[in-house]
Amino acid sequence: MTSRNTFKKGSCELLVLHILNNKGDCYGYEIGQIIRDITNEYLSFPEGSMYPVLYKLIDKGHITDYKKQVGKRLTRVYYHIEPSGQNRLEELTQEYLKTTQSIQNILNFDFKTQQLEDA
């Protein structure tokens, strides 16, 4: 598994909740398309990895789903974020920001001019 795939696996829940919280109700394929479009296809989640995340979020009560008829024959399943999902989004966002800031601190550390405290 590439490092990009490992990162993607852990970020899918965060991105799904963020999209539902900020865009509103979406169907699964639409969520995947939004992620692909905004990231210029750098990030993409195949249905095989997107839907298990959606089902897990439903099981935990973070999102709900409902069916909506589109056109004469097509029915889509839409997903809606619930208050517990908004709380989870805040937790995941804070965790993401702390993690990326910590990584940035290491990448920016000048080992030639700065001293580390002995452990």
PDB file of N, CA and C in Angstrom:
ATOM      1  N   MET A   1       0.847  -1.178   0.000  1.00  0.00           N
ATOM      2  CA  MET A   1       0.000   0.000   0.000  1.00  0.00           C
ATOM      3  C   MET A   1       0.893   1.241   0.000  1.00  0.00           C
ATOM      4  N   THR A   2       0.625   2.182  -0.889  1.00  0.00           N
ATOM      5  CA  THR A   2       1.435   3.393  -0.956  1.00  0.00           C
ATOM      6  C   THR A   2       1.094   4.313   0.209  1.00  0.00           C
ATOM      7  N   SER A   3       1.983   5.256   0.488  1.00  0.00           N
ATOM      8  CA  SER A   3       1.730   6.196   1.578  1.00  0.00           C
ATOM      9  C   SER A   3       0.493   7.038   1.282  1.00  0.00           C
ATOM     10  N   ARG A   4       0.265   7.345   0.017  1.00  0.00           N
ATOM     11  CA  ARG A   4      -0.923   8.110  -0.339  1.00  0.00           C
ATOM     12  C   ARG A   4      -2.181   7.315  -0.023  1.00  0.00           C
ATOM     13  N   ASN A   5      -2.174   6.003  -0.302  1.00  0.00           N
ATOM     14  CA  ASN A   5      -3.335   5.173  -0.003  1.00  0.00           C
ATOM     15  C   ASN A   5      -3.571   5.061   1.496  1.00  0.00           C
ATOM     16  N   THR A   6      -2.499   4.960   2.271  1.00  0.00           N
ATOM     17  CA  THR A   6      -2.632   4.886   3.721  1.00  0.00           C
ATOM     18  C   THR A   6      -3.244   6.168   4.258  1.00  0.00           C
ATOM     19  N   PHE A   7      -2.767   7.304   3.774  1.00  0.00           N
ATOM     20  CA  PHE A   7      -3.313   8.588   4.210  1.00  0.00           C
ATOM     21  C   PHE A   7      -4.775   8.705   3.810  1.00  0.00           C
ATOM     22  N   LYS A   8      -5.091   8.304   2.590  1.00  0.00           N
ATOM     23  CA  LYS A   8      -6.460   8.391   2.097  1.00  0.00           C
ATOM     24  C   LYS A   8      -7.406   7.563   2.947  1.00  0.00           C
ATOM     25  N   LYS A   9      -6.976   6.370   3.316  1.00  0.00           N
ATOM     26  CA  LYS A   9      -7.828   5.477   4.093  1.00  0.00           C
ATOM     27  C   LYS A   9      -8.256   6.145   5.391  1.00  0.00           C
ATOM     28  N   GLY A  10      -7.338   6.837   6.038  1.00  0.00           N
ATOM     29  CA  GLY A  10      -7.649   7.492   7.294  1.00  0.00           C
ATOM     30  C   GLY A  10      -8.398   8.801   7.151  1.00  0.00           C
ATOM     31  N   SER A  11      -8.394   9.386   5.985  1.00  0.00           N
ATOM     32  CA  SER A  11      -9.008  10.703   5.805  1.00  0.00           C
ATOM     33  C   SER A  11     -10.419  10.648   5.238  1.00  0.00           C
ATOM     34  N   CYS A  12     -10.857   9.510   4.786  1.00  0.00           N
ATOM     35  CA  CYS A  12     -12.163   9.409   4.133  1.00  0.00           C
ATOM     36  C   CYS A  12     -13.294   9.851   5.063  1.00  0.00           C
ATOM     37  N   GLU A  13     -13.273   9.395   6.302  1.00  0.00           N
ATOM     38  CA  GLU A  13     -14.322   9.761   7.259  1.00  0.00           C
ATOM     39  C   GLU A  13     -14.364  11.272   7.463  1.00  0.00           C
ATOM     40  N   LEU A  14     -13.217  11.884   7.637  1.00  0.00           N
ATOM     41  CA  LEU A  14     -13.131  13.334   7.813  1.00  0.00           C
ATOM     42  C   LEU A  14     -13.710  14.065   6.608  1.00  0.00           C
ATOM     43  N   LEU A  15     -13.326  13.653   5.414  1.00  0.00           N
ATOM     44  CA  LEU A  15     -13.779  14.339   4.201  1.00  0.00           C
ATOM     45  C   LEU A  15     -15.275  14.167   3.975  1.00  0.00           C
ATOM     46  N   VAL A  16     -15.795  12.973   4.205  1.00  0.00           N
ATOM     47  CA  VAL A  16     -17.234  12.728   4.041  1.00  0.00           C
ATOM     48  C   VAL A  16     -18.024  13.623   4.987  1.00  0.00           C
ATOM     49  N   LEU A  17     -17.647  13.635   6.257  1.00  0.00           N
ATOM     50  CA  LEU A  17     -18.366  14.465   7.228  1.00  0.00           C
ATOM     51  C   LEU A  17     -18.250  15.949   6.891  1.00  0.00           C
ATOM     52  N   HIS A  18     -17.076  16.380   6.460  1.00  0.00           N
ATOM     53  CA  HIS A  18     -16.879  17.792   6.099  1.00  0.00           C
ATOM     54  C   HIS A  18     -17.783  18.187   4.924  1.00  0.00           C
ATOM     55  N   ILE A  19     -17.841  17.339   3.920  1.00  0.00           N
ATOM     56  CA  ILE A  19     -18.674  17.642   2.749  1.00  0.00           C
ATOM     57  C   ILE A  19     -20.144  17.696   3.138  1.00  0.00           C
ATOM     58  N   LEU A  20     -20.611  16.710   3.893  1.00  0.00           N
ATOM     59  CA  LEU A  20     -22.020  16.700   4.301  1.00  0.00           C
ATOM     60  C   LEU A  20     -22.350  17.894   5.194  1.00  0.00           C
ATOM     61  N   ASN A  21     -21.421  18.288   6.037  1.00  0.00           N
ATOM     62  CA  ASN A  21     -21.658  19.414   6.932  1.00  0.00           C
ATOM     63  C   ASN A  21     -21.695  20.745   6.188  1.00  0.00           C
ATOM     64  N   ASN A  22     -20.874  20.884   5.162  1.00  0.00           N
ATOM     65  CA  ASN A  22     -20.751  22.173   4.477  1.00  0.00           C
ATOM     66  C   ASN A  22     -21.556  22.287   3.193  1.00  0.00           C
ATOM     67  N   LYS A  23     -21.727  21.201   2.478  1.00  0.00           N
ATOM     68  CA  LYS A  23     -22.499  21.239   1.235  1.00  0.00           C
ATOM     69  C   LYS A  23     -23.954  20.884   1.475  1.00  0.00           C
ATOM     70  N   GLY A  24     -24.176  19.999   2.440  1.00  0.00           N
ATOM     71  CA  GLY A  24     -25.530  19.504   2.691  1.00  0.00           C
ATOM     72  C   GLY A  24     -25.645  18.067   2.217  1.00  0.00           C
ATOM     73  N   ASP A  25     -26.853  17.571   2.190  1.00  0.00           N
ATOM     74  CA  ASP A  25     -27.097  16.174   1.850  1.00  0.00           C
ATOM     75  C   ASP A  25     -26.573  15.842   0.455  1.00  0.00           C
ATOM     76  N   CYS A  26     -25.925  14.679   0.351  1.00  0.00           N
ATOM     77  CA  CYS A  26     -25.344  14.219  -0.912  1.00  0.00           C
ATOM     78  C   CYS A  26     -25.550  12.722  -1.030  1.00  0.00           C
ATOM     79  N   TYR A  27     -25.491  12.227  -2.246  1.00  0.00           N
ATOM     80  CA  TYR A  27     -25.481  10.780  -2.453  1.00  0.00           C
ATOM     81  C   TYR A  27     -24.027  10.333  -2.586  1.00  0.00           C
ATOM     82  N   GLY A  28     -23.784   9.046  -2.409  1.00  0.00           N
ATOM     83  CA  GLY A  28     -22.431   8.517  -2.312  1.00  0.00           C
ATOM     84  C   GLY A  28     -21.538   8.862  -3.488  1.00  0.00           C
ATOM     85  N   TYR A  29     -22.029   8.632  -4.694  1.00  0.00           N
ATOM     86  CA  TYR A  29     -21.219   8.915  -5.877  1.00  0.00           C
ATOM     87  C   TYR A  29     -20.862  10.400  -5.930  1.00  0.00           C
ATOM     88  N   GLU A  30     -21.800  11.239  -5.541  1.00  0.00           N
ATOM     89  CA  GLU A  30     -21.576  12.688  -5.551  1.00  0.00           C
ATOM     90  C   GLU A  30     -20.439  13.075  -4.598  1.00  0.00           C
ATOM     91  N   ILE A  31     -20.410  12.462  -3.425  1.00  0.00           N
ATOM     92  CA  ILE A  31     -19.339  12.739  -2.466  1.00  0.00           C
ATOM     93  C   ILE A  31     -17.983  12.388  -3.083  1.00  0.00           C
ATOM     94  N   GLY A  32     -17.917  11.215  -3.692  1.00  0.00           N
ATOM     95  CA  GLY A  32     -16.677  10.799  -4.347  1.00  0.00           C
ATOM     96  C   GLY A  32     -16.270  11.742  -5.461  1.00  0.00           C
ATOM     97  N   GLN A  33     -17.249  12.205  -6.227  1.00  0.00           N
ATOM     98  CA  GLN A  33     -16.973  13.124  -7.335  1.00  0.00           C
ATOM     99  C   GLN A  33     -16.463  14.468  -6.822  1.00  0.00           C
ATOM    100  N   ILE A  34     -17.038  14.950  -5.739  1.00  0.00           N
ATOM    101  CA  ILE A  34     -16.592  16.213  -5.141  1.00  0.00           C
ATOM    102  C   ILE A  34     -15.124  16.105  -4.724  1.00  0.00           C
ATOM    103  N   ILE A  35     -14.791  15.007  -4.065  1.00  0.00           N
ATOM    104  CA  ILE A  35     -13.407  14.800  -3.625  1.00  0.00           C
ATOM    105  C   ILE A  35     -12.463  14.752  -4.822  1.00  0.00           C
ATOM    106  N   ARG A  36     -12.837  14.010  -5.845  1.00  0.00           N
ATOM    107  CA  ARG A  36     -11.998  13.919  -7.056  1.00  0.00           C
ATOM    108  C   ARG A  36     -11.838  15.284  -7.716  1.00  0.00           C
ATOM    109  N   ASP A  37     -12.942  16.017  -7.850  1.00  0.00           N
ATOM    110  CA  ASP A  37     -12.897  17.308  -8.546  1.00  0.00           C
ATOM    111  C   ASP A  37     -12.051  18.339  -7.796  1.00  0.00           C
ATOM    112  N   ILE A  38     -12.268  18.458  -6.495  1.00  0.00           N
ATOM    113  CA  ILE A  38     -11.558  19.474  -5.723  1.00  0.00           C
ATOM    114  C   ILE A  38     -10.066  19.176  -5.648  1.00  0.00           C
ATOM    115  N   THR A  39      -9.704  17.900  -5.619  1.00  0.00           N
ATOM    116  CA  THR A  39      -8.283  17.531  -5.506  1.00  0.00           C
ATOM    117  C   THR A  39      -7.644  17.249  -6.859  1.00  0.00           C
ATOM    118  N   ASN A  40      -8.322  17.624  -7.938  1.00  0.00           N
ATOM    119  CA  ASN A  40      -7.816  17.345  -9.286  1.00  0.00           C
ATOM    120  C   ASN A  40      -7.431  15.876  -9.443  1.00  0.00           C
ATOM    121  N   GLU A  41      -8.269  15.017  -8.894  1.00  0.00           N
ATOM    122  CA  GLU A  41      -8.145  13.557  -8.976  1.00  0.00           C
ATOM    123  C   GLU A  41      -6.965  12.996  -8.187  1.00  0.00           C
ATOM    124  N   TYR A  42      -6.308  13.816  -7.361  1.00  0.00           N
ATOM    125  CA  TYR A  42      -5.225  13.290  -6.527  1.00  0.00           C
ATOM    126  C   TYR A  42      -5.785  12.333  -5.483  1.00  0.00           C
ATOM    127  N   LEU A  43      -6.910  12.722  -4.896  1.00  0.00           N
ATOM    128  CA  LEU A  43      -7.610  11.835  -3.971  1.00  0.00           C
ATOM    129  C   LEU A  43      -8.855  11.308  -4.657  1.00  0.00           C
ATOM    130  N   SER A  44      -9.048  10.026  -4.565  1.00  0.00           N
ATOM    131  CA  SER A  44     -10.289   9.427  -5.054  1.00  0.00           C
ATOM    132  C   SER A  44     -10.552   8.189  -4.218  1.00  0.00           C
ATOM    133  N   PHE A  45     -11.807   7.962  -3.927  1.00  0.00           N
ATOM    134  CA  PHE A  45     -12.213   6.822  -3.121  1.00  0.00           C
ATOM    135  C   PHE A  45     -13.132   5.950  -3.956  1.00  0.00           C
ATOM    136  N   PRO A  46     -12.670   4.777  -4.341  1.00  0.00           N
ATOM    137  CA  PRO A  46     -13.546   3.880  -5.090  1.00  0.00           C
ATOM    138  C   PRO A  46     -14.750   3.505  -4.232  1.00  0.00           C
ATOM    139  N   GLU A  47     -15.844   3.123  -4.891  1.00  0.00           N
ATOM    140  CA  GLU A  47     -17.053   2.770  -4.154  1.00  0.00           C
ATOM    141  C   GLU A  47     -16.765   1.716  -3.092  1.00  0.00           C
ATOM    142  N   GLY A  48     -15.826   0.830  -3.370  1.00  0.00           N
ATOM    143  CA  GLY A  48     -15.491  -0.225  -2.426  1.00  0.00           C
ATOM    144  C   GLY A  48     -14.916   0.272  -1.115  1.00  0.00           C
ATOM    145  N   SER A  49     -14.394   1.495  -1.098  1.00  0.00           N
ATOM    146  CA  SER A  49     -13.883   2.050   0.154  1.00  0.00           C
ATOM    147  C   SER A  49     -14.768   3.169   0.695  1.00  0.00           C
ATOM    148  N   MET A  50     -15.546   3.817  -0.164  1.00  0.00           N
ATOM    149  CA  MET A  50     -16.422   4.906   0.270  1.00  0.00           C
ATOM    150  C   MET A  50     -17.627   4.374   1.053  1.00  0.00           C
ATOM    151  N   TYR A  51     -18.286   3.362   0.513  1.00  0.00           N
ATOM    152  CA  TYR A  51     -19.527   2.904   1.134  1.00  0.00           C
ATOM    153  C   TYR A  51     -19.324   2.260   2.496  1.00  0.00           C
ATOM    154  N   PRO A  52     -18.267   1.496   2.739  1.00  0.00           N
ATOM    155  CA  PRO A  52     -18.062   1.007   4.110  1.00  0.00           C
ATOM    156  C   PRO A  52     -17.922   2.145   5.127  1.00  0.00           C
ATOM    157  N   VAL A  53     -17.308   3.246   4.728  1.00  0.00           N
ATOM    158  CA  VAL A  53     -17.192   4.406   5.620  1.00  0.00           C
ATOM    159  C   VAL A  53     -18.575   4.993   5.879  1.00  0.00           C
ATOM    160  N   LEU A  54     -19.376   5.127   4.833  1.00  0.00           N
ATOM    161  CA  LEU A  54     -20.737   5.647   5.001  1.00  0.00           C
ATOM    162  C   LEU A  54     -21.550   4.744   5.925  1.00  0.00           C
ATOM    163  N   TYR A  55     -21.463   3.437   5.736  1.00  0.00           N
ATOM    164  CA  TYR A  55     -22.219   2.496   6.570  1.00  0.00           C
ATOM    165  C   TYR A  55     -21.754   2.560   8.022  1.00  0.00           C
ATOM    166  N   LYS A  56     -20.465   2.712   8.231  1.00  0.00           N
ATOM    167  CA  LYS A  56     -19.926   2.826   9.591  1.00  0.00           C
ATOM    168  C   LYS A  56     -20.448   4.097  10.263  1.00  0.00           C
ATOM    169  N   LEU A  57     -20.493   5.190   9.512  1.00  0.00           N
ATOM    170  CA  LEU A  57     -21.002   6.445  10.059  1.00  0.00           C
ATOM    171  C   LEU A  57     -22.489   6.337  10.393  1.00  0.00           C
ATOM    172  N   ILE A  58     -23.240   5.602   9.581  1.00  0.00           N
ATOM    173  CA  ILE A  58     -24.661   5.362   9.873  1.00  0.00           C
ATOM    174  C   ILE A  58     -24.794   4.534  11.145  1.00  0.00           C
ATOM    175  N   ASP A  59     -24.026   3.453  11.235  1.00  0.00           N
ATOM    176  CA  ASP A  59     -24.089   2.571  12.410  1.00  0.00           C
ATOM    177  C   ASP A  59     -23.785   3.316  13.704  1.00  0.00           C
ATOM    178  N   LYS A  60     -22.900   4.301  13.628  1.00  0.00           N
ATOM    179  CA  LYS A  60     -22.530   5.069  14.820  1.00  0.00           C
ATOM    180  C   LYS A  60     -23.473   6.245  15.076  1.00  0.00           C
ATOM    181  N   GLY A  61     -24.446   6.459  14.188  1.00  0.00           N
ATOM    182  CA  GLY A  61     -25.405   7.538  14.362  1.00  0.00           C
ATOM    183  C   GLY A  61     -24.895   8.902  13.944  1.00  0.00           C
ATOM    184  N   HIS A  62     -23.749   8.948  13.256  1.00  0.00           N
ATOM    185  CA  HIS A  62     -23.178  10.231  12.832  1.00  0.00           C
ATOM    186  C   HIS A  62     -23.860  10.786  11.581  1.00  0.00           C
ATOM    187  N   ILE A  63     -24.382   9.898  10.750  1.00  0.00           N
ATOM    188  CA  ILE A  63     -25.145  10.316   9.569  1.00  0.00           C
ATOM    189  C   ILE A  63     -26.378   9.415   9.460  1.00  0.00           C
ATOM    190  N   THR A  64     -27.353   9.890   8.706  1.00  0.00           N
ATOM    191  CA  THR A  64     -28.521   9.077   8.371  1.00  0.00           C
ATOM    192  C   THR A  64     -28.637   9.044   6.856  1.00  0.00           C
ATOM    193  N   ASP A  65     -29.415   8.086   6.375  1.00  0.00           N
ATOM    194  CA  ASP A  65     -29.633   8.003   4.930  1.00  0.00           C
ATOM    195  C   ASP A  65     -31.126   7.983   4.637  1.00  0.00           C
ATOM    196  N   TYR A  66     -31.466   8.428   3.448  1.00  0.00           N
ATOM    197  CA  TYR A  66     -32.854   8.383   2.986  1.00  0.00           C
ATOM    198  C   TYR A  66     -32.839   8.258   1.473  1.00  0.00           C
ATOM    199  N   LYS A  67     -33.917   7.704   0.938  1.00  0.00           N
ATOM    200  CA  LYS A  67     -34.022   7.529  -0.511  1.00  0.00           C
ATOM    201  C   LYS A  67     -34.828   8.667  -1.104  1.00  0.00           C
ATOM    202  N   LYS A  68     -34.405   9.079  -2.291  1.00  0.00           N
ATOM    203  CA  LYS A  68     -35.076  10.167  -2.999  1.00  0.00           C
ATOM    204  C   LYS A  68     -35.174   9.784  -4.463  1.00  0.00           C
ATOM    205  N   GLN A  69     -36.367   9.900  -4.999  1.00  0.00           N
ATOM    206  CA  GLN A  69     -36.550   9.573  -6.410  1.00  0.00           C
ATOM    207  C   GLN A  69     -36.084  10.747  -7.263  1.00  0.00           C
ATOM    208  N   VAL A  70     -35.279  10.418  -8.253  1.00  0.00           N
ATOM    209  CA  VAL A  70     -34.738  11.411  -9.170  1.00  0.00           C
ATOM    210  C   VAL A  70     -35.164  10.975 -10.561  1.00  0.00           C
ATOM    211  N   GLY A  71     -35.984  11.752 -11.202  1.00  0.00           N
ATOM    212  CA  GLY A  71     -36.507  11.331 -12.498  1.00  0.00           C
ATOM    213  C   GLY A  71     -37.605  10.297 -12.309  1.00  0.00           C
ATOM    214  N   LYS A  72     -37.932   9.616 -13.384  1.00  0.00           N
ATOM    215  CA  LYS A  72     -39.045   8.665 -13.332  1.00  0.00           C
ATOM    216  C   LYS A  72     -38.665   7.337 -12.708  1.00  0.00           C
ATOM    217  N   ARG A  73     -37.414   6.909 -12.882  1.00  0.00           N
ATOM    218  CA  ARG A  73     -37.037   5.569 -12.441  1.00  0.00           C
ATOM    219  C   ARG A  73     -35.892   5.522 -11.438  1.00  0.00           C
ATOM    220  N   LEU A  74     -35.090   6.528 -11.418  1.00  0.00           N
ATOM    221  CA  LEU A  74     -33.880   6.488 -10.601  1.00  0.00           C
ATOM    222  C   LEU A  74     -34.167   6.899  -9.157  1.00  0.00           C
ATOM    223  N   THR A  75     -33.721   6.080  -8.232  1.00  0.00           N
ATOM    224  CA  THR A  75     -33.794   6.398  -6.807  1.00  0.00           C
ATOM    225  C   THR A  75     -32.369   6.452  -6.271  1.00  0.00           C
ATOM    226  N   ARG A  76     -32.055   7.529  -5.574  1.00  0.00           N
ATOM    227  CA  ARG A  76     -30.725   7.696  -4.996  1.00  0.00           C
ATOM    228  C   ARG A  76     -30.824   7.673  -3.475  1.00  0.00           C
ATOM    229  N   VAL A  77     -29.769   7.188  -2.857  1.00  0.00           N
ATOM    230  CA  VAL A  77     -29.670   7.217  -1.398  1.00  0.00           C
ATOM    231  C   VAL A  77     -28.827   8.433  -1.021  1.00  0.00           C
ATOM    232  N   TYR A  78     -29.449   9.333  -0.279  1.00  0.00           N
ATOM    233  CA  TYR A  78     -28.765  10.539   0.180  1.00  0.00           C
ATOM    234  C   TYR A  78     -28.343  10.364   1.631  1.00  0.00           C
ATOM    235  N   TYR A  79     -27.270  11.063   1.987  1.00  0.00           N
ATOM    236  CA  TYR A  79     -26.733  10.989   3.336  1.00  0.00           C
ATOM    237  C   TYR A  79     -26.813  12.369   3.975  1.00  0.00           C
ATOM    238  N   HIS A  80     -27.161  12.369   5.252  1.00  0.00           N
ATOM    239  CA  HIS A  80     -27.371  13.607   6.008  1.00  0.00           C
ATOM    240  C   HIS A  80     -26.573  13.541   7.307  1.00  0.00           C
ATOM    241  N   ILE A  81     -25.834  14.595   7.619  1.00  0.00           N
ATOM    242  CA  ILE A  81     -25.045  14.615   8.860  1.00  0.00           C
ATOM    243  C   ILE A  81     -25.955  14.938  10.041  1.00  0.00           C
ATOM    244  N   GLU A  82     -25.740  14.249  11.136  1.00  0.00           N
ATOM    245  CA  GLU A  82     -26.486  14.449  12.377  1.00  0.00           C
ATOM    246  C   GLU A  82     -25.611  15.218  13.372  1.00  0.00           C
ATOM    247  N   PRO A  83     -26.200  15.732  14.462  1.00  0.00           N
ATOM    248  CA  PRO A  83     -25.394  16.471  15.441  1.00  0.00           C
ATOM    249  C   PRO A  83     -24.179  15.689  15.956  1.00  0.00           C
ATOM    250  N   SER A  84     -24.325  14.386  16.179  1.00  0.00           N
ATOM    251  CA  SER A  84     -23.161  13.610  16.633  1.00  0.00           C
ATOM    252  C   SER A  84     -22.095  13.552  15.541  1.00  0.00           C
ATOM    253  N   GLY A  85     -22.516  13.620  14.281  1.00  0.00           N
ATOM    254  CA  GLY A  85     -21.571  13.668  13.172  1.00  0.00           C
ATOM    255  C   GLY A  85     -20.816  14.984  13.136  1.00  0.00           C
ATOM    256  N   GLN A  86     -21.508  16.055  13.502  1.00  0.00           N
ATOM    257  CA  GLN A  86     -20.834  17.353  13.578  1.00  0.00           C
ATOM    258  C   GLN A  86     -19.801  17.356  14.702  1.00  0.00           C
ATOM    259  N   ASN A  87     -20.146  16.707  15.816  1.00  0.00           N
ATOM    260  CA  ASN A  87     -19.178  16.578  16.915  1.00  0.00           C
ATOM    261  C   ASN A  87     -17.981  15.740  16.480  1.00  0.00           C
ATOM    262  N   ARG A  88     -18.251  14.644  15.787  1.00  0.00           N
ATOM    263  CA  ARG A  88     -17.175  13.776  15.293  1.00  0.00           C
ATOM    264  C   ARG A  88     -16.300  14.536  14.299  1.00  0.00           C
ATOM    265  N   LEU A  89     -16.917  15.330  13.441  1.00  0.00           N
ATOM    266  CA  LEU A  89     -16.169  16.143  12.480  1.00  0.00           C
ATOM    267  C   LEU A  89     -15.220  17.088  13.209  1.00  0.00           C
ATOM    268  N   GLU A  90     -15.691  17.717  14.268  1.00  0.00           N
ATOM    269  CA  GLU A  90     -14.838  18.631  15.036  1.00  0.00           C
ATOM    270  C   GLU A  90     -13.654  17.877  15.640  1.00  0.00           C
ATOM    271  N   GLU A  91     -13.911  16.693  16.194  1.00  0.00           N
ATOM    272  CA  GLU A  91     -12.831  15.874  16.764  1.00  0.00           C
ATOM    273  C   GLU A  91     -11.803  15.504  15.699  1.00  0.00           C
ATOM    274  N   LEU A  92     -12.290  15.016  14.561  1.00  0.00           N
ATOM    275  CA  LEU A  92     -11.385  14.596  13.487  1.00  0.00           C
ATOM    276  C   LEU A  92     -10.602  15.773  12.922  1.00  0.00           C
ATOM    277  N   THR A  93     -11.257  16.928  12.811  1.00  0.00           N
ATOM    278  CA  THR A  93     -10.587  18.121  12.289  1.00  0.00           C
ATOM    279  C   THR A  93      -9.463  18.547  13.227  1.00  0.00           C
ATOM    280  N   GLN A  94      -9.743  18.578  14.530  1.00  0.00           N
ATOM    281  CA  GLN A  94      -8.712  18.957  15.500  1.00  0.00           C
ATOM    282  C   GLN A  94      -7.550  17.969  15.479  1.00  0.00           C
ATOM    283  N   GLU A  95      -7.871  16.681  15.398  1.00  0.00           N
ATOM    284  CA  GLU A  95      -6.829  15.651  15.330  1.00  0.00           C
ATOM    285  C   GLU A  95      -5.977  15.820  14.071  1.00  0.00           C
ATOM    286  N   TYR A  96      -6.636  16.083  12.943  1.00  0.00           N
ATOM    287  CA  TYR A  96      -5.924  16.296  11.681  1.00  0.00           C
ATOM    288  C   TYR A  96      -4.997  17.508  11.786  1.00  0.00           C
ATOM    289  N   LEU A  97      -5.518  18.613  12.315  1.00  0.00           N
ATOM    290  CA  LEU A  97      -4.714  19.832  12.416  1.00  0.00           C
ATOM    291  C   LEU A  97      -3.513  19.638  13.341  1.00  0.00           C
ATOM    292  N   LYS A  98      -3.711  18.965  14.470  1.00  0.00           N
ATOM    293  CA  LYS A  98      -2.595  18.701  15.387  1.00  0.00           C
ATOM    294  C   LYS A  98      -1.556  17.799  14.728  1.00  0.00           C
ATOM    295  N   THR A  99      -2.030  16.783  14.024  1.00  0.00           N
ATOM    296  CA  THR A  99      -1.108  15.851  13.363  1.00  0.00           C
ATOM    297  C   THR A  99      -0.300  16.551  12.288  1.00  0.00           C
ATOM    298  N   THR A 100      -0.980  17.305  11.415  1.00  0.00           N
ATOM    299  CA  THR A 100      -0.257  17.970  10.330  1.00  0.00           C
ATOM    300  C   THR A 100       0.687  19.041  10.871  1.00  0.00           C
ATOM    301  N   GLN A 101       0.294  19.742  11.942  1.00  0.00           N
ATOM    302  CA  GLN A 101       1.184  20.742  12.537  1.00  0.00           C
ATOM    303  C   GLN A 101       2.411  20.071  13.138  1.00  0.00           C
ATOM    304  N   SER A 102       2.219  18.931  13.779  1.00  0.00           N
ATOM    305  CA  SER A 102       3.351  18.201  14.365  1.00  0.00           C
ATOM    306  C   SER A 102       4.312  17.713  13.287  1.00  0.00           C
ATOM    307  N   ILE A 103       3.766  17.210  12.204  1.00  0.00           N
ATOM    308  CA  ILE A 103       4.607  16.772  11.078  1.00  0.00           C
ATOM    309  C   ILE A 103       5.360  17.967  10.501  1.00  0.00           C
ATOM    310  N   GLN A 104       4.654  19.094  10.355  1.00  0.00           N
ATOM    311  CA  GLN A 104       5.285  20.304   9.825  1.00  0.00           C
ATOM    312  C   GLN A 104       6.414  20.772  10.741  1.00  0.00           C
ATOM    313  N   ASN A 105       6.203  20.668  12.047  1.00  0.00           N
ATOM    314  CA  ASN A 105       7.260  21.048  12.998  1.00  0.00           C
ATOM    315  C   ASN A 105       8.522  20.222  12.773  1.00  0.00           C
ATOM    316  N   ILE A 106       8.353  18.935  12.552  1.00  0.00           N
ATOM    317  CA  ILE A 106       9.510  18.069  12.312  1.00  0.00           C
ATOM    318  C   ILE A 106      10.177  18.417  10.985  1.00  0.00           C
ATOM    319  N   LEU A 107       9.382  18.614   9.950  1.00  0.00           N
ATOM    320  CA  LEU A 107       9.943  18.928   8.632  1.00  0.00           C
ATOM    321  C   LEU A 107      10.668  20.269   8.626  1.00  0.00           C
ATOM    322  N   ASN A 108      10.218  21.196   9.446  1.00  0.00           N
ATOM    323  CA  ASN A 108      10.832  22.526   9.495  1.00  0.00           C
ATOM    324  C   ASN A 108      11.971  22.628  10.509  1.00  0.00           C
ATOM    325  N   PHE A 109      12.167  21.601  11.303  1.00  0.00           N
ATOM    326  CA  PHE A 109      13.202  21.645  12.338  1.00  0.00           C
ATOM    327  C   PHE A 109      14.583  21.634  11.687  1.00  0.00           C
ATOM    328  N   ASP A 110      15.410  22.582  12.074  1.00  0.00           N
ATOM    329  CA  ASP A 110      16.769  22.669  11.543  1.00  0.00           C
ATOM    330  C   ASP A 110      17.713  21.971  12.519  1.00  0.00           C
ATOM    331  N   PHE A 111      18.057  20.755  12.198  1.00  0.00           N
ATOM    332  CA  PHE A 111      18.903  19.952  13.075  1.00  0.00           C
ATOM    333  C   PHE A 111      20.324  20.506  13.193  1.00  0.00           C
ATOM    334  N   LYS A 112      20.720  21.348  12.258  1.00  0.00           N
ATOM    335  CA  LYS A 112      22.075  21.904  12.291  1.00  0.00           C
ATOM    336  C   LYS A 112      22.191  23.075  13.253  1.00  0.00           C
ATOM    337  N   THR A 113      21.107  23.822  13.422  1.00  0.00           N
ATOM    338  CA  THR A 113      21.191  25.019  14.257  1.00  0.00           C
ATOM    339  C   THR A 113      20.359  24.935  15.530  1.00  0.00           C
ATOM    340  N   GLN A 114      19.454  23.994  15.629  1.00  0.00           N
ATOM    341  CA  GLN A 114      18.593  23.894  16.805  1.00  0.00           C
ATOM    342  C   GLN A 114      18.970  22.666  17.631  1.00  0.00           C
ATOM    343  N   GLN A 115      18.792  22.795  18.917  1.00  0.00           N
ATOM    344  CA  GLN A 115      19.107  21.705  19.834  1.00  0.00           C
ATOM    345  C   GLN A 115      17.824  21.000  20.271  1.00  0.00           C
ATOM    346  N   LEU A 116      17.921  19.680  20.391  1.00  0.00           N
ATOM    347  CA  LEU A 116      16.840  18.895  20.973  1.00  0.00           C
ATOM    348  C   LEU A 116      17.113  18.737  22.456  1.00  0.00           C
ATOM    349  N   GLU A 117      16.061  18.783  23.258  1.00  0.00           N
ATOM    350  CA  GLU A 117      16.235  18.509  24.681  1.00  0.00           C
ATOM    351  C   GLU A 117      16.444  17.020  24.849  1.00  0.00           C
ATOM    352  N   ASP A 118      17.371  16.648  25.737  1.00  0.00           N
ATOM    353  CA  ASP A 118      17.598  15.227  25.995  1.00  0.00           C
ATOM    354  C   ASP A 118      16.374  14.636  26.674  1.00  0.00           C
ATOM    355  N   ALA A 119      16.028  13.441  26.230  1.00  0.00           N
ATOM    356  CA  ALA A 119      14.848  12.785  26.795  1.00  0.00           C
ATOM    357  C   ALA A 119      15.139  12.195  28.143  1.00  0.00           C
TER     358      ALA A 119
END
